[in-house]
Amino acid sequence: MQVFHSFYLNIRAAFRLLRFAFVVLVFFAKAAIIYKRTPNPVERRRQLTNKAHMTCKKIIKAFNVELICRENISEDESALLVGNHMGFIDIVCLCALRSNVFITSLEMKQTPVLGQIAELGGCAYVNRKNRMSIQHELQDIVNVLKEGFRVVLYAESVASDGEQVLPFKKTLIMAAGLAEKPIRPFVFNFRQINHQPVLFEHRDSVCWYGSETFLPAIWRSLKLDSVTCEIEFLPMVYPKAEDDRSELAKMLHGMVSAKFEPFRPEMNLDATRVRPQNLMATTAKDVH
């Protein structure tokens, strides 16, 4: 029976992968037309981020992801969103919830396929390996914020393994104060896997971190029956250009960490004490 079950999971994952690839191909085609036909860079970015938002709604369906949101924000809120990052799924969920400009690395821009997706998704870029250009890149983010976009900064700079929220890098956070825009902290948590409490061994099926390449990481996610995720938006923070950036980064990190539920080996024991239906009742309330 185990062999047949494994065969079924692989076949289902293959169909999901094909559906994902089709959605991405359609996005490529439509976004490329927008890119070529819209000479104004601000309007082009606005159309591209909206297209990415609609596409990510379809992608989470392909992965059978249920998204719960607490304290949802308005569509026209212009702010710097700062939160935790564990890989591919949290990006897609945040994009499916609202259209945003994501800050990503030049290394990502230069990665085949993913780089083209980032460019057609309206991303802004930073060079994480060359800190000499940080002031120029900081100004780029300030300009995007002043243009009225909602900008997502994963201040950890890399995806974590889900066992903690990594320390926040402080420099780019100051873009909000310089642009005279607020910061909206948020926290992303996995709430259920396969309609059951999250276990420690699920970590590498939902987190994409370290040096692992994209396809093996998403293949494990595609083999899951379902994933329930939660995004909670936290109270607004209003920074000033003259604020101590180290203290600001620590405060934001503390706000996010306080709401984050990490992957822990002992969570397997915790799961035996929680009935799945009770867990769903808890996570589903106050959903917007």
Protein backbone atom coordinates (compact mmCIF):
# COMPACT_ATOMS: atom_id res chain seq x y z
CA MET A 1 0.00 0.00 0.00
CA GLN A 2 2.88 2.34 0.77
CA VAL A 3 4.19 1.96 -2.78
CA PHE A 4 0.80 2.81 -4.29
CA HIS A 5 0.41 5.79 -1.98
CA SER A 6 3.85 7.11 -2.94
CA PHE A 7 2.99 6.62 -6.63
CA TYR A 8 -0.27 8.54 -6.15
CA LEU A 9 1.51 11.45 -4.42
CA ASN A 10 4.05 11.71 -7.22
CA ILE A 11 1.38 11.62 -9.95
CA ARG A 12 -0.67 14.26 -8.16
CA ALA A 13 2.43 16.42 -7.67
CA ALA A 14 3.24 16.10 -11.37
CA PHE A 15 -0.23 17.34 -12.35
CA ARG A 16 0.09 20.22 -9.90
CA LEU A 17 3.49 21.08 -11.35
CA LEU A 18 2.01 21.16 -14.84
CA ARG A 19 -0.78 23.42 -13.63
CA PHE A 20 1.79 25.69 -11.95
CA ALA A 21 3.89 25.80 -15.12
CA PHE A 22 0.85 26.68 -17.22
CA VAL A 23 -0.13 29.53 -14.88
CA VAL A 24 3.43 30.88 -15.00
CA LEU A 25 3.57 30.66 -18.80
CA VAL A 26 0.33 32.60 -19.12
CA PHE A 27 1.73 35.19 -16.72
CA PHE A 28 4.91 35.46 -18.82
CA ALA A 29 2.91 36.10 -21.96
CA LYS A 30 0.55 38.70 -20.49
CA ALA A 31 3.21 40.46 -18.41
CA ALA A 32 5.58 40.65 -21.38
CA ILE A 33 2.89 42.48 -23.36
CA ILE A 34 2.42 44.93 -20.49
CA TYR A 35 6.18 45.41 -20.26
CA LYS A 36 6.51 46.29 -23.94
CA ARG A 37 3.35 48.36 -24.34
CA THR A 38 3.68 50.54 -21.22
CA PRO A 39 6.57 53.01 -21.55
CA ASN A 40 5.86 54.85 -18.29
CA PRO A 41 7.87 52.91 -15.65
CA VAL A 42 5.54 53.75 -12.75
CA GLU A 43 2.39 52.70 -14.60
CA ARG A 44 4.19 49.64 -15.96
CA ARG A 45 5.17 48.54 -12.45
CA ARG A 46 1.63 49.12 -11.25
CA GLN A 47 0.18 46.92 -13.98
CA LEU A 48 2.84 44.24 -13.51
CA THR A 49 2.29 43.99 -9.73
CA ASN A 50 -1.46 43.73 -10.27
CA LYS A 51 -0.92 40.96 -12.80
CA ALA A 52 1.40 39.15 -10.38
CA HIS A 53 -1.26 39.48 -7.66
CA MET A 54 -3.90 37.80 -9.84
CA THR A 55 -1.44 35.09 -10.90
CA CYS A 56 -0.45 34.24 -7.32
CA LYS A 57 -4.11 33.69 -6.47
CA LYS A 58 -4.05 30.90 -9.04
CA ILE A 59 -0.69 29.54 -7.88
CA ILE A 60 -1.82 28.99 -4.29
CA LYS A 61 -4.75 27.00 -5.66
CA ALA A 62 -2.31 24.84 -7.62
CA PHE A 63 -0.44 24.14 -4.37
CA ASN A 64 -3.74 23.65 -2.49
CA VAL A 65 -2.84 26.40 -0.03
CA GLU A 66 -5.51 27.85 2.23
CA LEU A 67 -4.65 31.40 3.25
CA ILE A 68 -5.90 32.95 6.49
CA CYS A 69 -5.40 36.67 7.12
CA ARG A 70 -5.69 38.50 10.41
CA GLU A 71 -6.05 42.27 10.59
CA ASN A 72 -6.05 42.66 6.82
CA ILE A 73 -4.86 45.94 5.31
CA SER A 74 -6.61 48.10 2.74
CA GLU A 75 -5.75 47.75 -0.93
CA ASP A 76 -4.56 51.37 -1.13
CA GLU A 77 -2.31 51.29 1.96
CA SER A 78 1.12 52.64 0.99
CA ALA A 79 3.73 51.37 3.43
CA LEU A 80 6.92 49.36 3.83
CA LEU A 81 5.90 45.82 4.81
CA VAL A 82 8.51 44.09 6.98
CA GLY A 83 8.17 40.47 8.08
CA ASN A 84 9.66 37.00 8.29
CA HIS A 85 10.62 34.86 5.32
CA MET A 86 10.82 31.07 4.91
CA GLY A 87 10.92 30.65 1.16
CA PHE A 88 8.60 30.36 -1.80
CA ILE A 89 5.20 29.87 -0.16
CA ASP A 90 5.16 33.01 1.99
CA ILE A 91 6.02 35.17 -1.05
CA VAL A 92 3.19 33.71 -3.11
CA CYS A 93 0.71 34.03 -0.24
CA LEU A 94 1.58 37.68 0.41
CA CYS A 95 1.35 38.44 -3.31
CA ALA A 96 -2.00 36.62 -3.57
CA LEU A 97 -3.36 38.69 -0.70
CA ARG A 98 -2.37 42.14 -2.05
CA SER A 99 -0.36 43.57 -4.95
CA ASN A 100 3.10 44.58 -3.72
CA VAL A 101 6.55 45.52 -4.95
CA PHE A 102 8.95 42.91 -3.58
CA ILE A 103 12.58 43.74 -2.90
CA THR A 104 14.83 40.93 -4.08
CA SER A 105 18.51 40.41 -4.83
CA LEU A 106 20.43 40.95 -8.03
CA GLU A 107 21.39 37.27 -7.76
CA MET A 108 17.72 36.40 -8.10
CA LYS A 109 17.41 38.73 -11.10
CA GLN A 110 20.23 36.82 -12.78
CA THR A 111 18.70 33.38 -12.06
CA PRO A 112 17.11 31.81 -15.17
CA VAL A 113 13.29 31.79 -15.12
CA LEU A 114 13.03 33.12 -11.55
CA GLY A 115 14.84 36.27 -12.65
CA GLN A 116 12.40 36.83 -15.49
CA ILE A 117 9.47 36.25 -13.13
CA ALA A 118 10.90 38.82 -10.70
CA GLU A 119 11.40 41.39 -13.48
CA LEU A 120 7.92 40.89 -14.93
CA GLY A 121 6.50 40.97 -11.40
CA GLY A 122 7.71 44.54 -10.89
CA CYS A 123 10.37 43.76 -8.28
CA ALA A 124 13.01 46.20 -7.03
CA TYR A 125 16.58 44.96 -6.57
CA VAL A 126 19.45 45.19 -4.10
CA ASN A 127 22.98 43.84 -4.38
CA ARG A 128 23.44 41.91 -1.15
CA LYS A 129 27.09 41.12 -2.00
CA ASN A 130 28.20 44.70 -2.62
CA ARG A 131 27.39 46.99 0.27
CA MET A 132 29.12 49.92 -1.47
CA SER A 133 25.95 50.46 -3.52
CA ILE A 134 23.59 50.40 -0.56
CA GLN A 135 22.88 54.14 -0.51
CA HIS A 136 21.91 54.13 -4.19
CA GLU A 137 19.64 51.11 -3.67
CA LEU A 138 18.15 52.70 -0.55
CA GLN A 139 17.19 55.72 -2.63
CA ASP A 140 15.61 53.46 -5.25
CA ILE A 141 13.34 51.96 -2.57
CA VAL A 142 12.53 55.43 -1.24
CA ASN A 143 11.46 56.46 -4.74
CA VAL A 144 9.21 53.40 -5.14
CA LEU A 145 7.54 54.18 -1.80
CA LYS A 146 7.04 57.83 -2.77
CA GLU A 147 5.37 56.66 -5.98
CA GLY A 148 2.63 55.17 -3.79
CA PHE A 149 3.54 51.50 -3.95
CA ARG A 150 3.38 49.07 -1.05
CA VAL A 151 6.88 47.61 -0.78
CA VAL A 152 7.77 44.27 0.86
CA LEU A 153 11.14 44.00 2.58
CA TYR A 154 12.26 40.66 3.98
CA ALA A 155 14.69 42.22 6.43
CA GLU A 156 16.32 38.88 7.32
CA SER A 157 17.84 39.17 3.79
CA VAL A 158 17.69 35.36 3.36
CA ALA A 159 15.02 32.74 3.93
CA SER A 160 15.23 30.98 7.30
CA ASP A 161 14.69 27.31 8.10
CA GLY A 162 11.65 28.24 10.17
CA GLU A 163 13.27 27.63 13.55
CA GLN A 164 13.59 31.34 14.33
CA VAL A 165 13.24 34.80 12.85
CA LEU A 166 16.74 35.76 11.78
CA PRO A 167 18.13 39.18 12.82
CA PHE A 168 16.84 42.05 10.69
CA LYS A 169 19.25 43.98 8.50
CA LYS A 170 18.87 47.61 9.44
CA THR A 171 19.83 49.85 6.51
CA LEU A 172 16.98 49.28 4.04
CA ILE A 173 14.39 49.61 6.82
CA MET A 174 15.24 53.32 6.87
CA ALA A 175 13.66 53.72 3.43
CA ALA A 176 10.29 54.20 5.14
CA GLY A 177 11.45 57.13 7.26
CA LEU A 178 13.23 58.77 4.34
CA ALA A 179 10.10 58.41 2.18
CA GLU A 180 7.88 59.61 5.05
CA LYS A 181 5.91 56.38 4.89
CA PRO A 182 4.86 54.04 7.72
CA ILE A 183 6.12 50.51 8.32
CA ARG A 184 3.58 47.70 8.51
CA PRO A 185 5.10 44.66 10.27
CA PHE A 186 3.62 41.27 9.47
CA VAL A 187 4.20 37.69 10.56
CA PHE A 188 3.79 34.54 8.47
CA ASN A 189 3.02 31.19 10.10
CA PHE A 190 2.20 27.70 8.88
CA ARG A 191 -0.94 26.57 10.73
CA GLN A 192 -1.77 23.15 9.32
CA ILE A 193 -0.19 20.62 6.98
CA ASN A 194 -2.40 17.98 5.37
CA HIS A 195 -5.31 19.18 7.57
CA GLN A 196 -3.34 18.23 10.68
CA PRO A 197 -1.18 20.14 13.19
CA VAL A 198 2.22 21.15 11.83
CA LEU A 199 5.04 18.72 12.68
CA PHE A 200 8.77 19.32 12.76
CA GLU A 201 9.35 16.95 9.84
CA HIS A 202 7.12 19.16 7.66
CA ARG A 203 9.72 21.93 7.80
CA ASP A 204 11.67 20.96 4.68
CA SER A 205 8.45 20.43 2.73
CA VAL A 206 7.34 24.03 3.16
CA CYS A 207 10.55 26.02 3.75
CA TRP A 208 13.01 26.80 0.96
CA TYR A 209 16.31 27.92 2.44
CA GLY A 210 20.06 27.50 2.21
CA SER A 211 21.66 26.39 -1.04
CA GLU A 212 18.87 24.11 -2.26
CA THR A 213 17.62 24.78 -5.78
CA PHE A 214 14.05 25.75 -6.60
CA LEU A 215 12.57 22.63 -8.23
CA PRO A 216 13.41 20.09 -5.49
CA ALA A 217 12.02 22.47 -2.88
CA ILE A 218 8.68 23.07 -4.59
CA TRP A 219 8.36 19.39 -5.52
CA ARG A 220 8.17 18.48 -1.83
CA SER A 221 5.54 21.18 -1.33
CA LEU A 222 3.51 19.91 -4.28
CA LYS A 223 3.41 16.42 -2.77
CA LEU A 224 1.61 17.68 0.33
CA ASP A 225 -2.15 17.23 0.44
CA SER A 226 -2.77 20.76 1.71
CA VAL A 227 -1.12 23.66 3.51
CA THR A 228 -2.86 26.21 5.73
CA CYS A 229 -0.95 29.48 6.15
CA GLU A 230 -1.64 32.59 8.15
CA ILE A 231 -0.55 36.18 7.59
CA GLU A 232 -1.13 38.58 10.47
CA PHE A 233 -0.57 42.29 9.98
CA LEU A 234 0.68 44.04 13.11
CA PRO A 235 0.16 47.65 14.27
CA MET A 236 1.68 50.37 12.12
CA VAL A 237 5.05 51.88 13.03
CA TYR A 238 5.83 55.48 12.05
CA PRO A 239 9.61 55.95 11.70
CA LYS A 240 11.45 59.22 11.15
CA ALA A 241 14.53 59.71 9.01
CA GLU A 242 16.61 60.56 12.08
CA ASP A 243 15.60 57.46 14.08
CA ASP A 244 18.28 55.02 15.26
CA ARG A 245 18.10 52.32 12.60
CA SER A 246 19.54 49.63 14.91
CA GLU A 247 16.85 50.26 17.53
CA LEU A 248 14.15 50.35 14.85
CA ALA A 249 15.30 47.01 13.42
CA LYS A 250 15.36 45.44 16.90
CA MET A 251 11.87 46.71 17.69
CA LEU A 252 10.42 45.36 14.44
CA HIS A 253 12.22 42.04 14.93
CA GLY A 254 10.74 41.78 18.41
CA MET A 255 7.22 42.47 17.15
CA VAL A 256 7.46 39.78 14.47
CA SER A 257 9.25 37.23 16.67
CA ALA A 258 6.61 37.58 19.40
CA LYS A 259 3.92 36.37 16.96
CA PHE A 260 6.01 33.76 15.12
CA GLU A 261 5.57 30.06 15.93
CA PRO A 262 8.82 28.32 14.96
CA PHE A 263 9.44 24.75 13.91
CA ARG A 264 10.58 22.85 17.02
CA PRO A 265 11.29 19.13 17.54
CA GLU A 266 8.89 19.14 20.51
CA MET A 267 6.01 20.37 18.36
CA ASN A 268 5.31 16.72 17.51
CA LEU A 269 4.44 16.15 21.16
CA ASP A 270 2.31 19.30 21.19
CA ALA A 271 0.36 18.04 18.18
CA THR A 272 -0.88 15.00 20.08
CA ARG A 273 -2.58 17.36 22.54
CA VAL A 274 -4.46 19.35 19.86
CA ARG A 275 -7.45 17.96 18.00
CA PRO A 276 -7.31 19.08 14.32
CA GLN A 277 -10.87 20.42 14.31
CA ASN A 278 -10.12 22.57 17.36
CA LEU A 279 -7.01 23.95 15.70
CA MET A 280 -8.99 24.97 12.63
CA ALA A 281 -11.60 26.66 14.79
CA THR A 282 -8.85 28.68 16.43
CA THR A 283 -7.06 29.74 13.24
CA ALA A 284 -10.17 30.47 11.24
CA LYS A 285 -11.65 33.10 13.53
CA ASP A 286 -11.20 36.81 12.81
CA VAL A 287 -10.38 36.03 9.18
CA HIS A 288 -10.84 38.95 6.76
